[in-house]
Amino acid sequence: MRVKMSSRRALITAIIMSLTPTLLIAISEEKLSFYLVLIVSTIINWPIIRWLDDRQWYREWEREEIKNS
């Protein structure tokens, strides 16, 4: 069973997800369109967010295995 995300992990995830578009807009405001910034941010953030989610899933799975042993 999935456990609710901790507030610390939620804060880290929110910072990671908002940092990329903010930096892209600040660096090249006139060169990139809004939609291109969203697409690039999604491409950059997707593996990071998946990695954080997989780590949480693995920790929960380990706890279940230890509890069932």
Protein backbone atom coordinates (compact mmCIF):
# COMPACT_ATOMS: atom_id res chain seq x y z
CA MET A 1 0.00 0.00 0.00
CA ARG A 2 1.34 3.42 -0.95
CA VAL A 3 2.13 5.74 1.92
CA LYS A 4 1.33 9.44 1.78
CA MET A 5 4.34 11.45 0.63
CA SER A 6 6.19 13.16 3.45
CA SER A 7 6.08 16.94 3.58
CA ARG A 8 9.85 17.12 3.11
CA ARG A 9 9.73 14.96 -0.04
CA ALA A 10 6.77 16.97 -1.36
CA LEU A 11 8.69 20.21 -0.84
CA ILE A 12 11.79 18.84 -2.59
CA THR A 13 9.65 17.62 -5.50
CA ALA A 14 7.92 20.99 -5.83
CA ILE A 15 11.26 22.82 -5.82
CA ILE A 16 12.74 20.51 -8.45
CA MET A 17 9.68 20.83 -10.67
CA SER A 18 9.56 24.63 -10.46
CA LEU A 19 13.30 25.27 -10.69
CA THR A 20 13.77 24.14 -14.30
CA PRO A 21 11.07 26.31 -15.94
CA THR A 22 12.11 29.28 -13.81
CA LEU A 23 15.72 28.98 -14.92
CA LEU A 24 14.76 28.46 -18.57
CA ILE A 25 12.54 31.54 -18.58
CA ALA A 26 15.16 33.63 -16.79
CA ILE A 27 17.99 32.58 -19.12
CA SER A 28 16.25 32.95 -22.46
CA GLU A 29 13.02 34.84 -21.99
CA GLU A 30 12.85 36.26 -25.52
CA LYS A 31 14.19 33.21 -27.36
CA LEU A 32 11.94 30.42 -26.08
CA SER A 33 8.18 30.24 -26.30
CA PHE A 34 6.09 29.38 -23.26
CA TYR A 35 5.13 25.98 -24.67
CA LEU A 36 8.73 25.10 -25.48
CA VAL A 37 9.70 25.90 -21.89
CA LEU A 38 6.95 23.58 -20.63
CA ILE A 39 8.01 20.77 -22.95
CA VAL A 40 11.70 21.07 -22.09
CA SER A 41 10.91 21.27 -18.38
CA THR A 42 8.80 18.13 -18.58
CA ILE A 43 11.56 16.26 -20.42
CA ILE A 44 14.13 17.31 -17.81
CA ASN A 45 11.93 16.77 -14.75
CA TRP A 46 10.35 13.44 -15.73
CA PRO A 47 13.35 11.20 -14.93
CA ILE A 48 14.04 13.06 -11.68
CA ILE A 49 10.47 12.77 -10.44
CA ARG A 50 10.32 9.09 -11.47
CA TRP A 51 13.57 8.45 -9.59
CA LEU A 52 12.18 10.07 -6.43
CA ASP A 53 8.97 8.05 -6.75
CA ASP A 54 10.85 4.79 -7.35
CA ARG A 55 12.99 5.40 -4.26
CA GLN A 56 9.87 5.88 -2.16
CA TRP A 57 8.24 2.77 -3.64
CA TYR A 58 11.37 0.70 -2.97
CA ARG A 59 11.55 1.83 0.67
CA GLU A 60 7.90 0.92 1.18
CA TRP A 61 8.47 -2.46 -0.46
CA GLU A 62 11.48 -3.12 1.81
CA ARG A 63 9.40 -2.28 4.89
CA GLU A 64 6.70 -4.71 3.77
CA GLU A 65 9.27 -7.46 3.15
CA ILE A 66 10.82 -6.96 6.59
CA LYS A 67 7.40 -6.85 8.23
CA ASN A 68 6.33 -10.09 6.49
CA SER A 69 9.53 -11.94 7.36
